């Protein structure tokens, strides 16, 4: 079996775990795991720059922000927790079936198109694209990082 297909299945299972779990910390960990698997897929497909951004921002910064916010919350009473857990399970019980239907449609009904990947460019091409063509994207990425850091600082300042 192709390693990319195995990684895609693992990523879908981790994403399903992130949605189905009722504990926020487990959901944040599952989301980080999903992002880490996506990073591996990006590296395997020859997109190391996208993989680095995925790993640093999504698996790194976003996970830290989520876990920091979770640490600022309080635990629910047991009865309220059980009630919300049952509500969540009943709301999302259909997700595994939708995932299975999507897999069946993609791999059995609709034949996937085989795409040949272009050869990886040299590092000078990446620099040229990043600093000349996609400068506005870098600005947006920096602003998202700063907003995340500022949000965490405000949350910790409000806690004291």
N, C-alpha and C. Protein backbone atom coordinates (compact mmCIF):
# COMPACT_ATOMS: atom_id res chain seq x y z
N UNK A 1 0.85 -1.18 0.00
CA UNK A 1 0.00 0.00 0.00
C UNK A 1 0.89 1.24 0.00
N UNK A 2 0.49 2.24 -0.69
CA UNK A 2 1.24 3.47 -0.80
C UNK A 2 1.32 4.16 0.56
N UNK A 3 2.50 4.69 0.91
CA UNK A 3 2.69 5.34 2.20
C UNK A 3 1.84 6.60 2.34
N UNK A 4 1.62 7.30 1.24
CA UNK A 4 0.78 8.50 1.29
C UNK A 4 -0.66 8.14 1.64
N UNK A 5 -1.14 7.04 1.09
CA UNK A 5 -2.50 6.59 1.39
C UNK A 5 -2.62 6.22 2.87
N UNK A 6 -1.62 5.54 3.40
CA UNK A 6 -1.63 5.18 4.83
C UNK A 6 -1.62 6.45 5.68
N UNK A 7 -0.80 7.43 5.30
CA UNK A 7 -0.76 8.69 6.05
C UNK A 7 -2.08 9.45 5.96
N UNK A 8 -2.72 9.42 4.80
CA UNK A 8 -4.02 10.09 4.66
C UNK A 8 -5.08 9.43 5.54
N UNK A 9 -5.06 8.11 5.62
CA UNK A 9 -6.00 7.40 6.49
C UNK A 9 -5.73 7.75 7.95
N UNK A 10 -4.45 7.78 8.34
CA UNK A 10 -4.10 8.15 9.72
C UNK A 10 -4.52 9.59 10.03
N UNK A 11 -4.35 10.48 9.05
CA UNK A 11 -4.74 11.86 9.25
C UNK A 11 -6.26 11.99 9.41
N UNK A 12 -7.00 11.24 8.61
CA UNK A 12 -8.46 11.27 8.73
C UNK A 12 -8.90 10.72 10.09
N UNK A 13 -8.25 9.66 10.56
CA UNK A 13 -8.60 9.11 11.87
C UNK A 13 -8.26 10.07 13.00
N UNK A 14 -7.13 10.75 12.90
CA UNK A 14 -6.77 11.72 13.92
C UNK A 14 -7.73 12.91 13.90
N UNK A 15 -8.14 13.34 12.72
CA UNK A 15 -9.13 14.41 12.63
C UNK A 15 -10.48 14.00 13.19
N UNK A 16 -10.84 12.76 12.93
CA UNK A 16 -12.09 12.23 13.50
C UNK A 16 -12.01 12.18 15.02
N UNK A 17 -10.85 11.78 15.53
CA UNK A 17 -10.65 11.75 16.98
C UNK A 17 -10.77 13.16 17.56
N UNK A 18 -10.23 14.16 16.86
CA UNK A 18 -10.29 15.54 17.35
C UNK A 18 -11.73 16.02 17.46
N UNK A 19 -12.57 15.59 16.55
CA UNK A 19 -13.96 16.03 16.56
C UNK A 19 -14.80 15.22 17.55
N UNK A 20 -14.51 13.94 17.67
CA UNK A 20 -15.36 13.06 18.47
C UNK A 20 -15.06 13.09 19.97
N UNK A 21 -13.85 13.45 20.36
CA UNK A 21 -13.53 13.42 21.78
C UNK A 21 -14.24 14.55 22.52
N UNK A 22 -14.54 14.30 23.76
CA UNK A 22 -15.26 15.30 24.53
C UNK A 22 -14.34 16.11 25.44
N UNK A 23 -13.09 15.70 25.59
CA UNK A 23 -12.14 16.46 26.40
C UNK A 23 -11.34 17.40 25.50
N UNK A 24 -11.30 18.65 25.87
CA UNK A 24 -10.67 19.66 25.04
C UNK A 24 -9.17 19.42 24.87
N UNK A 25 -8.50 18.98 25.91
CA UNK A 25 -7.07 18.75 25.80
C UNK A 25 -6.77 17.63 24.80
N UNK A 26 -7.56 16.57 24.84
CA UNK A 26 -7.38 15.49 23.86
C UNK A 26 -7.68 15.98 22.45
N UNK A 27 -8.67 16.84 22.31
CA UNK A 27 -8.99 17.38 20.98
C UNK A 27 -7.83 18.23 20.45
N UNK A 28 -7.21 19.03 21.32
CA UNK A 28 -6.07 19.85 20.89
C UNK A 28 -4.89 18.97 20.51
N UNK A 29 -4.66 17.90 21.25
CA UNK A 29 -3.57 16.98 20.92
C UNK A 29 -3.86 16.26 19.60
N UNK A 30 -5.10 15.86 19.40
CA UNK A 30 -5.47 15.19 18.16
C UNK A 30 -5.33 16.14 16.97
N UNK A 31 -5.66 17.40 17.16
CA UNK A 31 -5.49 18.37 16.09
C UNK A 31 -4.01 18.57 15.76
N UNK A 32 -3.17 18.60 16.79
CA UNK A 32 -1.73 18.71 16.55
C UNK A 32 -1.20 17.48 15.83
N UNK A 33 -1.72 16.31 16.19
CA UNK A 33 -1.31 15.08 15.52
C UNK A 33 -1.74 15.10 14.05
N UNK A 34 -2.94 15.57 13.79
CA UNK A 34 -3.42 15.70 12.41
C UNK A 34 -2.49 16.62 11.62
N UNK A 35 -2.12 17.73 12.21
CA UNK A 35 -1.23 18.66 11.54
C UNK A 35 0.16 18.07 11.33
N UNK A 36 0.66 17.30 12.28
CA UNK A 36 1.97 16.67 12.13
C UNK A 36 1.95 15.64 11.00
N UNK A 37 0.87 14.89 10.89
CA UNK A 37 0.76 13.92 9.80
C UNK A 37 0.67 14.64 8.46
N UNK A 38 -0.06 15.74 8.42
CA UNK A 38 -0.12 16.54 7.19
C UNK A 38 1.25 17.07 6.81
N UNK A 39 2.05 17.43 7.81
CA UNK A 39 3.41 17.88 7.55
C UNK A 39 4.23 16.78 6.90
N UNK A 40 4.11 15.56 7.40
CA UNK A 40 4.84 14.43 6.82
C UNK A 40 4.40 14.22 5.36
N UNK A 41 3.10 14.34 5.12
CA UNK A 41 2.59 14.19 3.75
C UNK A 41 3.18 15.26 2.84
N UNK A 42 3.24 16.49 3.33
CA UNK A 42 3.79 17.57 2.52
C UNK A 42 5.26 17.32 2.19
N UNK A 43 6.02 16.85 3.16
CA UNK A 43 7.42 16.54 2.90
C UNK A 43 7.55 15.40 1.90
N UNK A 44 6.70 14.39 2.02
CA UNK A 44 6.76 13.25 1.09
C UNK A 44 6.38 13.67 -0.33
N UNK A 45 5.51 14.66 -0.47
CA UNK A 45 5.09 15.13 -1.79
C UNK A 45 6.02 16.18 -2.37
N UNK A 46 7.08 16.51 -1.66
CA UNK A 46 8.05 17.45 -2.20
C UNK A 46 7.75 18.90 -1.96
N UNK A 47 7.04 19.21 -0.89
CA UNK A 47 6.75 20.60 -0.55
C UNK A 47 7.31 20.91 0.84
N UNK A 48 8.64 20.99 0.97
CA UNK A 48 9.22 21.16 2.30
C UNK A 48 8.89 22.50 2.94
N UNK A 49 8.77 23.55 2.15
CA UNK A 49 8.46 24.85 2.72
C UNK A 49 7.06 24.88 3.32
N UNK A 50 6.10 24.30 2.59
CA UNK A 50 4.74 24.21 3.13
C UNK A 50 4.72 23.33 4.38
N UNK A 51 5.52 22.27 4.37
CA UNK A 51 5.60 21.40 5.55
C UNK A 51 6.15 22.11 6.76
N UNK A 52 7.16 22.93 6.55
CA UNK A 52 7.74 23.68 7.67
C UNK A 52 6.73 24.67 8.24
N UNK A 53 6.02 25.38 7.37
CA UNK A 53 5.00 26.31 7.86
C UNK A 53 3.88 25.57 8.59
N UNK A 54 3.46 24.43 8.06
CA UNK A 54 2.40 23.64 8.71
C UNK A 54 2.86 23.18 10.09
N UNK A 55 4.08 22.71 10.18
CA UNK A 55 4.59 22.21 11.46
C UNK A 55 4.77 23.34 12.46
N UNK A 56 5.31 24.46 12.01
CA UNK A 56 5.59 25.54 12.96
C UNK A 56 4.32 26.27 13.40
N UNK A 57 3.44 26.55 12.47
CA UNK A 57 2.26 27.34 12.82
C UNK A 57 1.14 26.46 13.35
N UNK A 58 0.72 25.47 12.59
CA UNK A 58 -0.45 24.69 12.99
C UNK A 58 -0.14 23.72 14.12
N UNK A 59 0.88 22.88 13.93
CA UNK A 59 1.18 21.90 14.97
C UNK A 59 1.85 22.55 16.16
N UNK A 60 2.54 23.66 15.95
CA UNK A 60 3.26 24.31 17.03
C UNK A 60 2.47 25.41 17.71
N UNK A 61 2.37 26.55 17.03
CA UNK A 61 1.76 27.73 17.64
C UNK A 61 0.30 27.54 18.00
N UNK A 62 -0.49 27.01 17.08
CA UNK A 62 -1.92 26.86 17.33
C UNK A 62 -2.16 25.89 18.49
N UNK A 63 -1.38 24.81 18.55
CA UNK A 63 -1.53 23.85 19.65
C UNK A 63 -1.18 24.50 20.99
N UNK A 64 -0.13 25.32 21.01
CA UNK A 64 0.24 26.01 22.24
C UNK A 64 -0.85 26.98 22.66
N UNK A 65 -1.42 27.70 21.71
CA UNK A 65 -2.50 28.63 22.03
C UNK A 65 -3.71 27.88 22.57
N UNK A 66 -4.10 26.79 21.91
CA UNK A 66 -5.25 26.01 22.38
C UNK A 66 -5.01 25.46 23.79
N UNK A 67 -3.85 24.88 24.03
CA UNK A 67 -3.57 24.30 25.34
C UNK A 67 -3.50 25.39 26.41
N UNK A 68 -2.97 26.56 26.06
CA UNK A 68 -2.94 27.67 27.01
C UNK A 68 -4.35 28.12 27.38
N UNK A 69 -5.21 28.22 26.38
CA UNK A 69 -6.59 28.63 26.65
C UNK A 69 -7.32 27.56 27.46
N UNK A 70 -7.07 26.30 27.15
CA UNK A 70 -7.71 25.22 27.90
C UNK A 70 -7.28 25.26 29.36
N UNK A 71 -6.02 25.60 29.62
CA UNK A 71 -5.55 25.67 31.01
C UNK A 71 -6.21 26.81 31.78
N UNK A 72 -6.75 27.79 31.08
CA UNK A 72 -7.43 28.91 31.74
C UNK A 72 -8.89 28.61 32.05
N UNK A 73 -9.42 27.55 31.50
CA UNK A 73 -10.83 27.22 31.73
C UNK A 73 -10.97 26.38 32.99
N UNK A 74 -12.19 26.23 33.45
CA UNK A 74 -12.45 25.40 34.63
C UNK A 74 -13.18 24.14 34.22
N UNK A 75 -13.08 23.12 35.06
CA UNK A 75 -13.73 21.84 34.77
C UNK A 75 -15.22 21.93 35.04
N UNK A 76 -15.98 21.22 34.22
CA UNK A 76 -17.42 21.14 34.41
C UNK A 76 -17.74 20.13 35.50
N UNK A 77 -18.87 20.30 36.18
CA UNK A 77 -19.31 19.23 37.09
C UNK A 77 -19.56 17.94 36.30
N UNK A 78 -19.49 16.81 36.98
CA UNK A 78 -19.57 15.52 36.32
C UNK A 78 -20.87 15.35 35.54
N UNK A 79 -21.99 15.75 36.09
CA UNK A 79 -23.27 15.59 35.41
C UNK A 79 -23.33 16.43 34.13
N UNK A 80 -22.84 17.65 34.21
CA UNK A 80 -22.82 18.51 33.02
C UNK A 80 -21.88 17.95 31.96
N UNK A 81 -20.75 17.42 32.39
CA UNK A 81 -19.79 16.81 31.47
C UNK A 81 -20.42 15.62 30.75
N UNK A 82 -21.08 14.74 31.50
CA UNK A 82 -21.71 13.56 30.89
C UNK A 82 -22.83 13.96 29.93
N UNK A 83 -23.57 15.00 30.29
CA UNK A 83 -24.64 15.47 29.42
C UNK A 83 -24.07 16.02 28.10
N UNK A 84 -23.03 16.83 28.19
CA UNK A 84 -22.42 17.37 26.97
C UNK A 84 -21.75 16.28 26.15
N UNK A 85 -21.17 15.30 26.82
CA UNK A 85 -20.52 14.20 26.10
C UNK A 85 -21.55 13.42 25.29
N UNK A 86 -22.68 13.12 25.88
CA UNK A 86 -23.73 12.40 25.18
C UNK A 86 -24.28 13.22 24.02
N UNK A 87 -24.42 14.53 24.24
CA UNK A 87 -24.90 15.42 23.18
C UNK A 87 -23.90 15.44 22.01
N UNK A 88 -22.62 15.49 22.33
CA UNK A 88 -21.60 15.51 21.28
C UNK A 88 -21.61 14.22 20.49
N UNK A 89 -21.69 13.10 21.17
CA UNK A 89 -21.70 11.81 20.48
C UNK A 89 -22.92 11.71 19.57
N UNK A 90 -24.07 12.15 20.06
CA UNK A 90 -25.27 12.05 19.23
C UNK A 90 -25.22 13.01 18.05
N UNK A 91 -24.54 14.15 18.21
CA UNK A 91 -24.43 15.11 17.10
C UNK A 91 -23.48 14.64 16.02
N UNK A 92 -22.39 14.00 16.42
CA UNK A 92 -21.34 13.65 15.46
C UNK A 92 -21.27 12.16 15.15
N UNK A 93 -22.29 11.42 15.47
CA UNK A 93 -22.28 9.98 15.22
C UNK A 93 -22.23 9.66 13.72
N UNK A 94 -22.69 10.58 12.91
CA UNK A 94 -22.73 10.35 11.46
C UNK A 94 -21.39 10.60 10.78
N UNK A 95 -20.42 11.23 11.45
CA UNK A 95 -19.15 11.56 10.81
C UNK A 95 -18.37 10.35 10.29
N UNK A 96 -18.27 9.24 11.04
CA UNK A 96 -17.55 8.10 10.45
C UNK A 96 -18.20 7.59 9.17
N UNK A 97 -19.52 7.65 9.09
CA UNK A 97 -20.22 7.19 7.90
C UNK A 97 -19.97 8.12 6.71
N UNK A 98 -19.92 9.43 6.98
CA UNK A 98 -19.61 10.39 5.91
C UNK A 98 -18.19 10.17 5.43
N UNK A 99 -17.27 9.92 6.35
CA UNK A 99 -15.88 9.65 5.97
C UNK A 99 -15.78 8.39 5.12
N UNK A 100 -16.48 7.36 5.52
CA UNK A 100 -16.48 6.11 4.75
C UNK A 100 -17.09 6.33 3.36
N UNK A 101 -18.18 7.08 3.30
CA UNK A 101 -18.80 7.36 2.00
C UNK A 101 -17.86 8.17 1.11
N UNK A 102 -17.13 9.12 1.69
CA UNK A 102 -16.18 9.91 0.90
C UNK A 102 -15.06 9.03 0.36
N UNK A 103 -14.58 8.10 1.17
CA UNK A 103 -13.52 7.19 0.71
C UNK A 103 -14.04 6.31 -0.41
N UNK A 104 -15.26 5.81 -0.27
CA UNK A 104 -15.84 4.96 -1.31
C UNK A 104 -16.01 5.75 -2.60
N UNK A 105 -16.50 6.96 -2.49
CA UNK A 105 -16.69 7.78 -3.69
C UNK A 105 -15.36 8.10 -4.36
N UNK A 106 -14.37 8.47 -3.56
CA UNK A 106 -13.09 8.88 -4.13
C UNK A 106 -12.35 7.70 -4.75
N UNK A 107 -12.32 6.57 -4.07
CA UNK A 107 -11.45 5.49 -4.53
C UNK A 107 -12.14 4.42 -5.36
N UNK A 108 -13.46 4.32 -5.29
CA UNK A 108 -14.11 3.26 -6.02
C UNK A 108 -15.01 3.76 -7.15
N UNK A 109 -15.74 4.81 -6.93
CA UNK A 109 -16.63 5.32 -7.96
C UNK A 109 -15.89 6.29 -8.87
N UNK A 110 -15.24 7.28 -8.28
CA UNK A 110 -14.48 8.27 -9.05
C UNK A 110 -13.02 7.85 -9.04
N UNK A 111 -12.53 7.45 -10.17
CA UNK A 111 -11.14 7.01 -10.26
C UNK A 111 -10.21 8.21 -10.07
N UNK A 112 -9.30 8.14 -9.10
CA UNK A 112 -8.41 9.29 -8.89
C UNK A 112 -7.47 9.49 -10.07
N UNK A 113 -7.20 10.72 -10.35
CA UNK A 113 -6.30 11.07 -11.43
C UNK A 113 -4.88 11.04 -10.89
N UNK A 114 -4.02 10.32 -11.57
CA UNK A 114 -2.63 10.26 -11.15
C UNK A 114 -1.92 11.53 -11.61
N UNK A 115 -1.30 12.19 -10.66
CA UNK A 115 -0.63 13.44 -10.95
C UNK A 115 0.86 13.22 -10.80
N UNK A 116 1.62 13.65 -11.78
CA UNK A 116 3.07 13.58 -11.65
C UNK A 116 3.54 14.90 -11.05
N UNK A 117 4.32 14.78 -10.02
CA UNK A 117 4.80 15.97 -9.33
C UNK A 117 6.01 16.53 -10.05
N UNK A 118 6.11 17.85 -10.12
CA UNK A 118 7.29 18.44 -10.74
C UNK A 118 8.50 18.25 -9.83
N UNK A 119 9.66 18.32 -10.42
CA UNK A 119 10.89 18.21 -9.64
C UNK A 119 11.01 19.39 -8.69
N UNK A 120 11.61 19.14 -7.55
CA UNK A 120 11.77 20.21 -6.58
C UNK A 120 12.71 21.27 -7.13
N UNK A 121 12.34 22.52 -6.90
CA UNK A 121 13.16 23.62 -7.38
C UNK A 121 14.37 23.84 -6.50
N UNK A 122 15.24 24.64 -6.97
CA UNK A 122 16.42 24.96 -6.17
C UNK A 122 16.04 25.95 -5.10
N UNK A 123 16.91 26.11 -4.13
CA UNK A 123 16.61 27.00 -3.01
C UNK A 123 16.51 28.45 -3.44
N UNK A 124 17.20 28.84 -4.48
CA UNK A 124 17.09 30.22 -4.94
C UNK A 124 15.71 30.50 -5.52
N UNK A 125 15.09 29.50 -6.15
CA UNK A 125 13.74 29.70 -6.66
C UNK A 125 12.75 29.89 -5.52
N UNK A 126 12.92 29.15 -4.45
CA UNK A 126 12.03 29.28 -3.29
C UNK A 126 12.18 30.66 -2.67
N UNK A 127 13.40 31.10 -2.52
CA UNK A 127 13.63 32.45 -1.97
C UNK A 127 12.98 33.51 -2.85
N UNK A 128 13.13 33.35 -4.13
CA UNK A 128 12.56 34.33 -5.06
C UNK A 128 11.04 34.37 -4.93
N UNK A 129 10.44 33.20 -4.86
CA UNK A 129 8.98 33.15 -4.74
C UNK A 129 8.54 33.74 -3.41
N UNK A 130 9.22 33.36 -2.32
CA UNK A 130 8.80 33.82 -1.00
C UNK A 130 8.94 35.33 -0.84
N UNK A 131 10.04 35.90 -1.27
CA UNK A 131 10.31 37.30 -0.99
C UNK A 131 9.86 38.25 -2.09
N UNK A 132 9.70 37.76 -3.29
CA UNK A 132 9.29 38.66 -4.38
C UNK A 132 7.82 38.51 -4.73
N UNK A 133 7.37 37.27 -4.91
CA UNK A 133 6.01 37.04 -5.38
C UNK A 133 5.00 36.97 -4.24
N UNK A 134 5.35 36.27 -3.14
CA UNK A 134 4.39 36.02 -2.06
C UNK A 134 4.67 36.85 -0.82
N UNK A 135 5.15 38.06 -0.98
CA UNK A 135 5.49 38.91 0.16
C UNK A 135 4.26 39.20 1.02
N UNK A 136 3.12 39.42 0.41
CA UNK A 136 1.90 39.71 1.17
C UNK A 136 1.47 38.51 2.01
N UNK A 137 1.70 37.30 1.52
CA UNK A 137 1.38 36.11 2.30
C UNK A 137 2.25 36.03 3.56
N UNK A 138 3.51 36.37 3.43
CA UNK A 138 4.41 36.39 4.59
C UNK A 138 3.95 37.42 5.61
N UNK A 139 3.52 38.57 5.13
CA UNK A 139 3.01 39.60 6.02
C UNK A 139 1.78 39.08 6.78
N UNK A 140 0.88 38.41 6.08
CA UNK A 140 -0.29 37.84 6.74
C UNK A 140 0.09 36.78 7.76
N UNK A 141 1.06 35.95 7.43
CA UNK A 141 1.51 34.91 8.36
C UNK A 141 2.11 35.54 9.61
N UNK A 142 2.91 36.56 9.45
CA UNK A 142 3.51 37.24 10.60
C UNK A 142 2.42 37.88 11.45
N UNK A 143 1.42 38.46 10.83
CA UNK A 143 0.33 39.08 11.58
C UNK A 143 -0.47 38.05 12.38
N UNK A 144 -0.69 36.86 11.79
CA UNK A 144 -1.39 35.80 12.52
C UNK A 144 -0.57 35.34 13.71
N UNK A 145 0.74 35.18 13.52
CA UNK A 145 1.60 34.79 14.64
C UNK A 145 1.57 35.83 15.76
N UNK A 146 1.68 37.10 15.39
CA UNK A 146 1.66 38.15 16.41
C UNK A 146 0.31 38.24 17.11
N UNK A 147 -0.78 38.03 16.37
CA UNK A 147 -2.10 38.04 16.99
C UNK A 147 -2.25 36.89 17.99
N UNK A 148 -1.71 35.72 17.65
CA UNK A 148 -1.75 34.59 18.58
C UNK A 148 -0.96 34.86 19.84
N UNK A 149 0.23 35.41 19.69
CA UNK A 149 1.06 35.74 20.86
C UNK A 149 0.38 36.81 21.70
N UNK A 150 -0.16 37.84 21.05
CA UNK A 150 -0.85 38.91 21.78
C UNK A 150 -2.08 38.37 22.52
N UNK A 151 -2.82 37.46 21.87
CA UNK A 151 -3.99 36.87 22.53
C UNK A 151 -3.62 36.07 23.76
N UNK A 152 -2.54 35.31 23.68
CA UNK A 152 -2.09 34.54 24.85
C UNK A 152 -1.64 35.48 25.96
N UNK A 153 -0.93 36.55 25.61
CA UNK A 153 -0.49 37.51 26.62
C UNK A 153 -1.68 38.17 27.32
N UNK A 154 -2.70 38.51 26.56
CA UNK A 154 -3.90 39.12 27.15
C UNK A 154 -4.60 38.14 28.08
N UNK A 155 -4.68 36.86 27.66
CA UNK A 155 -5.33 35.86 28.50
C UNK A 155 -4.59 35.65 29.80
N UNK A 156 -3.27 35.58 29.74
CA UNK A 156 -2.51 35.38 30.97
C UNK A 156 -2.52 36.63 31.85
N UNK A 157 -2.55 37.79 31.25
CA UNK A 157 -2.63 39.04 32.02
C UNK A 157 -3.98 39.12 32.73
N UNK A 158 -5.05 38.72 32.05
CA UNK A 158 -6.38 38.74 32.65
C UNK A 158 -6.52 37.73 33.78
N UNK A 159 -5.76 36.66 33.75
CA UNK A 159 -5.86 35.63 34.78
C UNK A 159 -5.26 36.11 36.09
N UNK A 160 -4.21 36.94 36.03
CA UNK A 160 -3.58 37.43 37.25
C UNK A 160 -4.48 38.48 37.84
